[in-house]
Structures are given as C-alpha cells and as structure tokens.
C-alpha cells in the first residue's frame, strides 16, 4: 500500500518540529515523491547529515511503503 503525502509530512514534522515541509507526488502513484525540508535546526549540519535526519524521521518506510523520495534540504534564509 502506498504512503500518503500527509503521512510523510507528519513523520518529518514529528522529528523536526521547526521544519517547513513541502511534498509533491511525482508520478501520481503514491510511491514517488519529492520533498523539500527547510529547518533552522539544520544550520551547521552538512547536507548528508540533514538528509540522514529526514530519513531517520521516516522510520524505515523508505523501500517499503515509500518507494522513492527526491529530497532537498536546507536552512531558512536570514
């Protein structure tokens, strides 16, 4: 069963409360999403560390309910 965009957003916000999250369904199939996650708490972390935090938030759903996620992360502009 595919994962809903709202579930992805909920999991990310639970782990990263200050995140601004945008989710797009890339193929209309509920399996291929693009996510943009902007959070002040990412400041000072490498892009790899930022992505690890997001993937950690998804609690192992990658490769299961969530087949593909194109991920962009960053910090808010000051």
Protein backbone atom coordinates (compact mmCIF):
# COMPACT_ATOMS: atom_id res chain seq x y z
CA UNK A 1 0.00 0.00 0.00
CA UNK A 2 1.43 3.41 -0.96
CA UNK A 3 2.20 6.08 1.60
CA UNK A 4 0.17 9.30 1.67
CA UNK A 5 1.96 12.64 1.36
CA UNK A 6 0.32 13.72 4.63
CA UNK A 7 1.90 10.75 6.41
CA UNK A 8 5.35 11.66 5.09
CA UNK A 9 4.88 15.26 6.25
CA UNK A 10 3.60 14.14 9.67
CA UNK A 11 6.62 11.87 10.26
CA UNK A 12 9.08 14.58 9.23
CA UNK A 13 7.41 17.23 11.41
CA UNK A 14 7.35 14.85 14.40
CA UNK A 15 11.16 14.50 14.21
CA UNK A 16 11.92 18.07 13.02
CA UNK A 17 9.28 20.34 14.64
CA UNK A 18 10.70 23.56 13.14
CA UNK A 19 10.62 22.17 9.59
CA UNK A 20 8.88 23.79 6.67
CA UNK A 21 7.88 20.75 4.60
CA UNK A 22 6.67 20.61 1.01
CA UNK A 23 5.74 17.23 -0.50
CA UNK A 24 4.98 16.62 -4.19
CA UNK A 25 3.72 13.34 -5.69
CA UNK A 26 5.93 12.99 -8.76
CA UNK A 27 4.13 10.17 -10.57
CA UNK A 28 0.61 10.29 -9.14
CA UNK A 29 1.07 6.77 -7.78
CA UNK A 30 1.74 7.47 -4.09
CA UNK A 31 5.15 5.81 -4.40
CA UNK A 32 7.38 8.53 -5.88
CA UNK A 33 7.64 11.81 -4.01
CA UNK A 34 9.79 14.91 -3.89
CA UNK A 35 10.24 16.59 -0.52
CA UNK A 36 11.73 19.93 0.38
CA UNK A 37 12.56 20.30 4.06
CA UNK A 38 13.79 23.65 5.37
CA UNK A 39 14.67 23.90 9.06
CA UNK A 40 16.70 26.22 11.27
CA UNK A 41 17.80 23.14 13.20
CA UNK A 42 19.76 22.07 10.09
CA UNK A 43 22.07 25.08 10.40
CA UNK A 44 25.68 23.95 10.81
CA UNK A 45 24.94 20.43 9.58
CA UNK A 46 26.19 19.06 6.28
CA UNK A 47 23.73 18.18 3.53
CA UNK A 48 24.38 14.48 4.25
CA UNK A 49 23.56 14.99 7.95
CA UNK A 50 20.38 16.86 7.02
CA UNK A 51 19.27 14.02 4.76
CA UNK A 52 20.08 11.44 7.44
CA UNK A 53 17.82 13.29 9.89
CA UNK A 54 14.94 13.28 7.38
CA UNK A 55 15.40 9.59 6.54
CA UNK A 56 15.56 8.79 10.26
CA UNK A 57 12.24 10.60 10.65
CA UNK A 58 10.66 8.31 8.06
CA UNK A 59 11.28 5.37 10.42
CA UNK A 60 12.32 2.84 7.83
CA UNK A 61 9.43 3.45 5.42
CA UNK A 62 11.92 4.01 2.57
CA UNK A 63 11.95 0.97 0.32
CA UNK A 64 8.71 -0.27 1.87
CA UNK A 65 5.59 1.89 1.68
CA UNK A 66 7.69 4.73 0.29
CA UNK A 67 9.47 3.63 -2.85
CA UNK A 68 11.33 6.81 -3.88
CA UNK A 69 11.94 10.22 -2.35
CA UNK A 70 13.80 13.02 -4.10
CA UNK A 71 15.00 15.09 -1.17
CA UNK A 72 16.14 18.69 -0.92
CA UNK A 73 17.07 20.17 2.43
CA UNK A 74 18.37 23.46 3.69
CA UNK A 75 18.13 26.26 6.21
CA UNK A 76 15.93 29.35 6.05
CA UNK A 77 17.48 32.45 4.58
CA UNK A 78 18.29 35.02 7.23
